[in-house]
């Protein structure tokens, strides 16, 4: 546990120091998205990496959080913080209800069911024009504020988002090392063995599905209030696949791996913009190489790579 505390303190120190190194507004904005994507990757990793339940519809929960919070504040003038809470509770409740029938499925059947759920949510965003604004999106969403402090620039938004990100990582790490975390790993390895050990497999899978949706909805609300705009294109199938890629590239079953995966896949497209028409080819090639040579993800691959490159100490002769 001491080791986990050191990791967490290093993360907090790095997050606090970033505004001092990157005063450029563009880079701060990119780091805001790194934080939001980290929350989403952690949420999905709890479901996929720990419980072994794949989901290709998490972009839908992300979008529901954004739209519920956006509609309540922009259309009905609800307090943004209250709107965030309502959105998170509503989305997690929806996930809890649909989790019972969906999580009876396994493997590619579960993947297809969650994919269908995500597509249905995406279609609703496009077709409910009077509520969501349709393909044109929903504008006029207010920034979050604490009294006179309004989160209306890149540095303030960075501090806001990363506060939520750090809290999310802390909660996820504690969950992973708790009795529930061990039960989730047991489900991942063998549902039959977990049942024999007294784990209520069906209920725990639904609960972690709802918790994952809750975190995704909070991330969606943050996105809406940071961007002050929400459009269906940001919450489609492509982004769901990207979230799964973040989790796999970072490392299944690793909370800090989710951070690494989200950071890499958020920063990489920005770094490759200078290559213009070849950026997507280089992007795909990098992902293929990481998957081939780091099958355990970045969280396992980087230490192994450093161990291979650094000279080993020679054993003294007795």
Protein backbone atom coordinates (compact mmCIF):
# COMPACT_ATOMS: atom_id res chain seq x y z
CA UNK A 1 0.00 0.00 0.00
CA UNK A 2 2.99 2.29 0.65
CA UNK A 3 4.00 1.82 -2.97
CA UNK A 4 0.52 2.87 -4.13
CA UNK A 5 0.75 5.99 -1.94
CA UNK A 6 4.06 6.95 -3.57
CA UNK A 7 2.57 6.50 -7.06
CA UNK A 8 -0.43 8.61 -6.13
CA UNK A 9 1.65 11.41 -4.61
CA UNK A 10 3.84 11.47 -7.75
CA UNK A 11 0.69 11.77 -9.87
CA UNK A 12 -0.62 14.65 -7.74
CA UNK A 13 2.77 16.41 -7.91
CA UNK A 14 2.88 16.01 -11.71
CA UNK A 15 -0.70 17.30 -12.11
CA UNK A 16 -0.04 20.34 -9.90
CA UNK A 17 3.19 21.23 -11.72
CA UNK A 18 1.82 21.07 -15.29
CA UNK A 19 0.45 24.66 -15.41
CA UNK A 20 3.94 25.94 -14.54
CA UNK A 21 5.52 24.08 -17.48
CA UNK A 22 2.79 24.71 -20.06
CA UNK A 23 1.55 28.27 -20.02
CA UNK A 24 0.35 27.90 -23.62
CA UNK A 25 -3.47 27.81 -23.75
CA UNK A 26 -3.55 25.17 -26.50
CA UNK A 27 -1.47 22.69 -24.48
CA UNK A 28 -3.56 23.31 -21.37
CA UNK A 29 -6.68 22.55 -23.41
CA UNK A 30 -5.14 19.28 -24.63
CA UNK A 31 -4.30 18.33 -21.03
CA UNK A 32 -7.93 19.01 -20.08
CA UNK A 33 -8.95 16.32 -22.57
CA UNK A 34 -6.24 14.01 -21.21
CA UNK A 35 -7.93 14.34 -17.80
CA UNK A 36 -11.43 13.68 -19.16
CA UNK A 37 -10.25 10.69 -21.20
CA UNK A 38 -8.39 9.33 -18.16
CA UNK A 39 -11.64 9.37 -16.16
CA UNK A 40 -13.39 7.51 -18.98
CA UNK A 41 -10.56 4.97 -19.35
CA UNK A 42 -10.52 4.32 -15.58
CA UNK A 43 -14.29 3.84 -15.62
CA UNK A 44 -14.12 1.36 -18.49
CA UNK A 45 -11.12 -0.45 -16.98
CA UNK A 46 -13.08 -1.16 -13.82
CA UNK A 47 -15.59 -2.99 -16.00
CA UNK A 48 -13.31 -4.50 -18.65
CA UNK A 49 -9.96 -4.94 -16.91
CA UNK A 50 -11.21 -5.98 -13.47
CA UNK A 51 -14.61 -7.62 -14.04
CA UNK A 52 -13.85 -8.87 -17.57
CA UNK A 53 -17.04 -7.40 -19.07
CA UNK A 54 -16.51 -5.67 -22.41
CA UNK A 55 -18.51 -2.56 -23.32
CA UNK A 56 -18.62 -0.82 -26.69
CA UNK A 57 -21.24 1.69 -25.57
CA UNK A 58 -19.46 3.80 -22.98
CA UNK A 59 -19.39 6.80 -25.30
CA UNK A 60 -23.19 6.74 -24.93
CA UNK A 61 -22.97 7.12 -21.13
CA UNK A 62 -20.40 9.88 -21.65
CA UNK A 63 -22.81 11.63 -24.02
CA UNK A 64 -25.81 11.19 -21.73
CA UNK A 65 -23.89 12.89 -18.92
CA UNK A 66 -23.03 15.78 -21.23
CA UNK A 67 -26.52 16.21 -22.66
CA UNK A 68 -28.49 15.81 -19.42
CA UNK A 69 -26.28 18.34 -17.68
CA UNK A 70 -26.31 20.60 -20.74
CA UNK A 71 -30.08 20.55 -21.25
CA UNK A 72 -30.81 21.12 -17.55
CA UNK A 73 -28.51 24.14 -17.38
CA UNK A 74 -28.91 25.69 -20.84
CA UNK A 75 -32.67 25.14 -21.22
CA UNK A 76 -34.02 24.93 -17.68
CA UNK A 77 -31.46 27.09 -15.82
CA UNK A 78 -30.68 24.40 -13.22
CA UNK A 79 -27.55 24.97 -11.12
CA UNK A 80 -24.66 23.30 -13.03
CA UNK A 81 -23.38 21.39 -9.98
CA UNK A 82 -26.87 20.05 -9.29
CA UNK A 83 -27.25 19.21 -12.97
CA UNK A 84 -24.01 17.21 -12.83
CA UNK A 85 -25.28 15.23 -9.86
CA UNK A 86 -28.66 14.59 -11.51
CA UNK A 87 -26.95 13.47 -14.73
CA UNK A 88 -24.58 11.08 -12.93
CA UNK A 89 -27.37 9.51 -10.83
CA UNK A 90 -29.74 9.22 -13.81
CA UNK A 91 -27.14 7.58 -16.05
CA UNK A 92 -25.96 5.16 -13.35
CA UNK A 93 -29.59 4.23 -12.59
CA UNK A 94 -30.20 3.58 -16.30
CA UNK A 95 -27.05 1.43 -16.43
CA UNK A 96 -28.20 -0.47 -13.34
CA UNK A 97 -31.60 -1.24 -14.91
CA UNK A 98 -30.28 -2.35 -18.31
CA UNK A 99 -27.31 -4.10 -16.73
CA UNK A 100 -29.39 -7.02 -15.48
CA UNK A 101 -30.50 -8.23 -18.95
CA UNK A 102 -27.36 -7.13 -20.84
CA UNK A 103 -24.77 -8.59 -18.46
CA UNK A 104 -26.35 -12.04 -18.73
CA UNK A 105 -24.60 -12.16 -22.10
CA UNK A 106 -20.94 -13.06 -22.54
CA UNK A 107 -18.13 -12.43 -25.01
CA UNK A 108 -19.03 -11.05 -28.41
CA UNK A 109 -22.76 -11.19 -27.57
CA UNK A 110 -22.16 -8.72 -24.73
CA UNK A 111 -20.02 -6.57 -27.03
CA UNK A 112 -22.82 -6.47 -29.62
CA UNK A 113 -25.46 -5.64 -26.99
CA UNK A 114 -23.46 -2.71 -25.57
CA UNK A 115 -22.66 -1.59 -29.12
CA UNK A 116 -26.39 -1.54 -29.89
CA UNK A 117 -27.05 0.46 -26.72
CA UNK A 118 -24.45 3.04 -27.71
CA UNK A 119 -25.89 3.33 -31.22
CA UNK A 120 -29.44 3.80 -29.86
CA UNK A 121 -28.24 6.61 -27.58
CA UNK A 122 -26.37 8.21 -30.49
CA UNK A 123 -29.49 8.09 -32.68
CA UNK A 124 -31.55 9.74 -29.91
CA UNK A 125 -28.99 12.57 -29.70
CA UNK A 126 -29.40 13.16 -33.45
CA UNK A 127 -33.16 12.77 -33.70
CA UNK A 128 -34.38 14.58 -30.56
CA UNK A 129 -33.77 17.95 -32.22
CA UNK A 130 -36.09 19.93 -29.95
CA UNK A 131 -34.16 18.78 -26.87
CA UNK A 132 -30.58 18.12 -27.98
CA UNK A 133 -30.31 20.41 -31.00
CA UNK A 134 -29.85 17.40 -33.27
CA UNK A 135 -26.71 17.11 -35.43
CA UNK A 136 -26.04 20.85 -34.95
CA UNK A 137 -25.50 20.30 -31.23
CA UNK A 138 -26.52 22.03 -28.02
CA UNK A 139 -24.99 25.43 -27.28
CA UNK A 140 -25.28 27.94 -24.45
CA UNK A 141 -24.13 25.52 -21.74
CA UNK A 142 -22.72 27.62 -18.86
CA UNK A 143 -19.30 27.20 -17.28
CA UNK A 144 -19.08 25.75 -13.79
CA UNK A 145 -18.45 28.22 -10.96
CA UNK A 146 -17.64 28.26 -7.25
CA UNK A 147 -18.99 31.56 -5.95
CA UNK A 148 -17.16 34.29 -7.84
CA UNK A 149 -14.64 31.80 -9.29
CA UNK A 150 -15.82 30.92 -12.80
CA UNK A 151 -14.02 28.12 -14.65
CA UNK A 152 -13.88 29.99 -17.94
CA UNK A 153 -10.30 29.61 -19.20
CA UNK A 154 -7.90 26.77 -19.96
CA UNK A 155 -5.90 26.88 -16.74
CA UNK A 156 -9.00 26.99 -14.53
CA UNK A 157 -10.60 24.18 -16.54
CA UNK A 158 -7.40 22.16 -16.18
CA UNK A 159 -7.50 22.54 -12.40
CA UNK A 160 -11.20 21.63 -12.33
CA UNK A 161 -10.94 18.55 -14.54
CA UNK A 162 -7.77 17.20 -12.94
CA UNK A 163 -9.25 17.58 -9.46
CA UNK A 164 -12.03 15.22 -10.55
CA UNK A 165 -9.50 12.97 -12.34
CA UNK A 166 -7.26 12.63 -9.29
CA UNK A 167 -10.24 11.88 -7.04
CA UNK A 168 -11.47 9.28 -9.56
CA UNK A 169 -8.07 7.56 -9.62
CA UNK A 170 -7.92 7.57 -5.80
CA UNK A 171 -11.37 5.97 -5.53
CA UNK A 172 -10.54 3.42 -8.25
CA UNK A 173 -7.22 2.43 -6.62
CA UNK A 174 -8.93 1.97 -3.25
CA UNK A 175 -11.68 -0.08 -4.90
CA UNK A 176 -9.10 -2.25 -6.68
CA UNK A 177 -7.38 -3.09 -3.39
CA UNK A 178 -10.59 -3.69 -1.48
CA UNK A 179 -12.64 -6.85 -0.98
CA UNK A 180 -14.83 -5.77 -3.92
CA UNK A 181 -11.75 -5.45 -6.14
CA UNK A 182 -10.67 -8.99 -5.28
CA UNK A 183 -14.19 -10.22 -6.02
CA UNK A 184 -14.10 -8.49 -9.41
CA UNK A 185 -10.81 -10.18 -10.25
CA UNK A 186 -12.33 -13.51 -9.25
CA UNK A 187 -15.23 -12.87 -11.65
CA UNK A 188 -12.74 -11.98 -14.38
CA UNK A 189 -10.86 -15.27 -13.89
CA UNK A 190 -13.89 -17.56 -13.44
CA UNK A 191 -17.48 -16.69 -12.69
CA UNK A 192 -18.17 -20.25 -11.54
CA UNK A 193 -15.28 -20.17 -9.06
CA UNK A 194 -16.39 -16.73 -7.83
CA UNK A 195 -19.91 -18.07 -7.15
CA UNK A 196 -18.48 -21.02 -5.25
CA UNK A 197 -16.53 -18.57 -3.08
CA UNK A 198 -19.79 -16.79 -2.20
CA UNK A 199 -19.63 -13.82 -4.59
CA UNK A 200 -22.98 -12.55 -5.88
CA UNK A 201 -21.68 -12.43 -9.45
CA UNK A 202 -24.76 -11.06 -11.19
CA UNK A 203 -25.33 -8.20 -8.74
CA UNK A 204 -21.65 -7.23 -8.55
CA UNK A 205 -21.35 -7.09 -12.35
CA UNK A 206 -24.39 -4.81 -12.53
CA UNK A 207 -23.06 -2.62 -9.71
CA UNK A 208 -19.66 -2.13 -11.35
CA UNK A 209 -21.44 -1.43 -14.65
CA UNK A 210 -23.48 1.29 -12.92
CA UNK A 211 -20.39 2.74 -11.19
CA UNK A 212 -18.55 2.81 -14.51
CA UNK A 213 -21.51 4.65 -16.07
CA UNK A 214 -21.59 7.09 -13.12
CA UNK A 215 -17.93 8.08 -13.65
CA UNK A 216 -18.48 8.35 -17.43
CA UNK A 217 -21.48 10.64 -16.87
CA UNK A 218 -19.46 12.91 -14.56
CA UNK A 219 -16.78 13.11 -17.25
CA UNK A 220 -19.50 13.95 -19.79
CA UNK A 221 -20.86 16.76 -17.62
CA UNK A 222 -17.35 18.19 -17.21
CA UNK A 223 -16.89 18.02 -20.97
CA UNK A 224 -20.16 19.88 -21.57
CA UNK A 225 -19.40 22.67 -19.10
CA UNK A 226 -15.79 23.03 -20.25
CA UNK A 227 -16.70 23.17 -23.95
CA UNK A 228 -20.05 24.96 -23.32
CA UNK A 229 -21.29 22.89 -26.28
CA UNK A 230 -22.24 19.26 -26.99
CA UNK A 231 -22.75 17.54 -30.35
CA UNK A 232 -23.56 13.89 -31.19
CA UNK A 233 -20.38 13.45 -33.23
CA UNK A 234 -18.32 13.42 -30.01
CA UNK A 235 -20.20 10.43 -28.57
CA UNK A 236 -20.35 7.93 -31.41
CA UNK A 237 -19.14 4.35 -31.89
CA UNK A 238 -15.67 5.49 -32.93
CA UNK A 239 -15.04 7.05 -29.54
CA UNK A 240 -16.24 3.90 -27.73
CA UNK A 241 -13.65 1.89 -29.66
CA UNK A 242 -11.02 4.51 -28.83
CA UNK A 243 -11.81 4.14 -25.12
CA UNK A 244 -11.37 0.36 -25.32
CA UNK A 245 -8.05 0.96 -27.10
CA UNK A 246 -6.92 3.31 -24.32
CA UNK A 247 -7.61 0.62 -21.72
CA UNK A 248 -5.85 -2.15 -23.67
CA UNK A 249 -2.84 -0.03 -24.63
CA UNK A 250 -2.47 1.24 -21.07
CA UNK A 251 -2.90 -2.17 -19.46
CA UNK A 252 -5.97 -4.19 -18.51
CA UNK A 253 -6.58 -4.26 -14.77
CA UNK A 254 -4.26 -1.32 -14.06
CA UNK A 255 -5.64 2.05 -12.93
CA UNK A 256 -2.41 3.88 -13.73
CA UNK A 257 -2.32 2.01 -17.03
CA UNK A 258 -5.58 3.78 -17.91
CA UNK A 259 -3.81 7.08 -17.27
CA UNK A 260 -0.92 6.10 -19.58
CA UNK A 261 -3.25 4.83 -22.31
CA UNK A 262 -5.48 7.91 -22.21
CA UNK A 263 -2.44 10.22 -22.25
CA UNK A 264 -0.84 8.45 -25.23
CA UNK A 265 -3.98 8.28 -27.36
CA UNK A 266 -4.94 11.89 -26.59
CA UNK A 267 -1.51 13.41 -27.19
CA UNK A 268 -0.49 11.25 -30.15
CA UNK A 269 -2.89 12.77 -32.73
CA UNK A 270 -1.78 16.26 -31.64
CA UNK A 271 1.92 15.37 -31.98
CA UNK A 272 1.40 13.80 -35.40
CA UNK A 273 -0.42 16.77 -36.96
CA UNK A 274 2.86 17.96 -38.52
CA UNK A 275 2.90 14.82 -40.70
CA UNK A 276 -0.37 15.95 -42.36
CA UNK A 277 -1.70 13.18 -44.65
CA UNK A 278 0.53 10.49 -43.11
CA UNK A 279 -0.50 11.08 -39.49
CA UNK A 280 -3.19 8.38 -39.44
CA UNK A 281 -0.76 5.80 -40.90
CA UNK A 282 1.91 6.60 -38.28
CA UNK A 283 -0.76 6.59 -35.56
CA UNK A 284 -1.96 3.12 -36.57
CA UNK A 285 1.60 1.81 -36.89
CA UNK A 286 2.49 2.99 -33.38
CA UNK A 287 -0.62 1.30 -31.94
CA UNK A 288 0.23 -1.95 -33.76
CA UNK A 289 3.84 -1.90 -32.49
CA UNK A 290 2.73 -1.18 -28.91
CA UNK A 291 0.21 -4.02 -29.06
CA UNK A 292 2.76 -6.45 -30.55
CA UNK A 293 5.72 -5.71 -28.30
CA UNK A 294 3.87 -4.65 -25.13
CA UNK A 295 0.96 -7.13 -24.90
CA UNK A 296 0.55 -6.33 -21.20
CA UNK A 297 0.13 -2.63 -22.00
CA UNK A 298 2.35 0.35 -21.29
CA UNK A 299 2.22 -0.19 -17.54
CA UNK A 300 4.08 -3.50 -17.95
CA UNK A 301 5.90 -2.85 -21.20
CA UNK A 302 7.76 0.34 -20.22
CA UNK A 303 9.43 -1.17 -17.09
CA UNK A 304 10.36 -4.28 -19.10
CA UNK A 305 11.83 -2.14 -21.88
CA UNK A 306 13.83 -0.04 -19.41
CA UNK A 307 15.08 -3.20 -17.72
CA UNK A 308 16.29 -4.54 -21.05
CA UNK A 309 18.01 -1.29 -22.06
CA UNK A 310 19.67 -0.41 -18.76
CA UNK A 311 22.93 -2.24 -18.00
CA UNK A 312 22.57 -4.95 -15.37
CA UNK A 313 24.84 -5.03 -12.35
CA UNK A 314 27.52 -7.66 -12.56
CA UNK A 315 27.59 -10.11 -9.73
CA UNK A 316 30.81 -10.00 -7.72
CA UNK A 317 33.01 -13.07 -7.59
CA UNK A 318 33.26 -14.76 -4.21
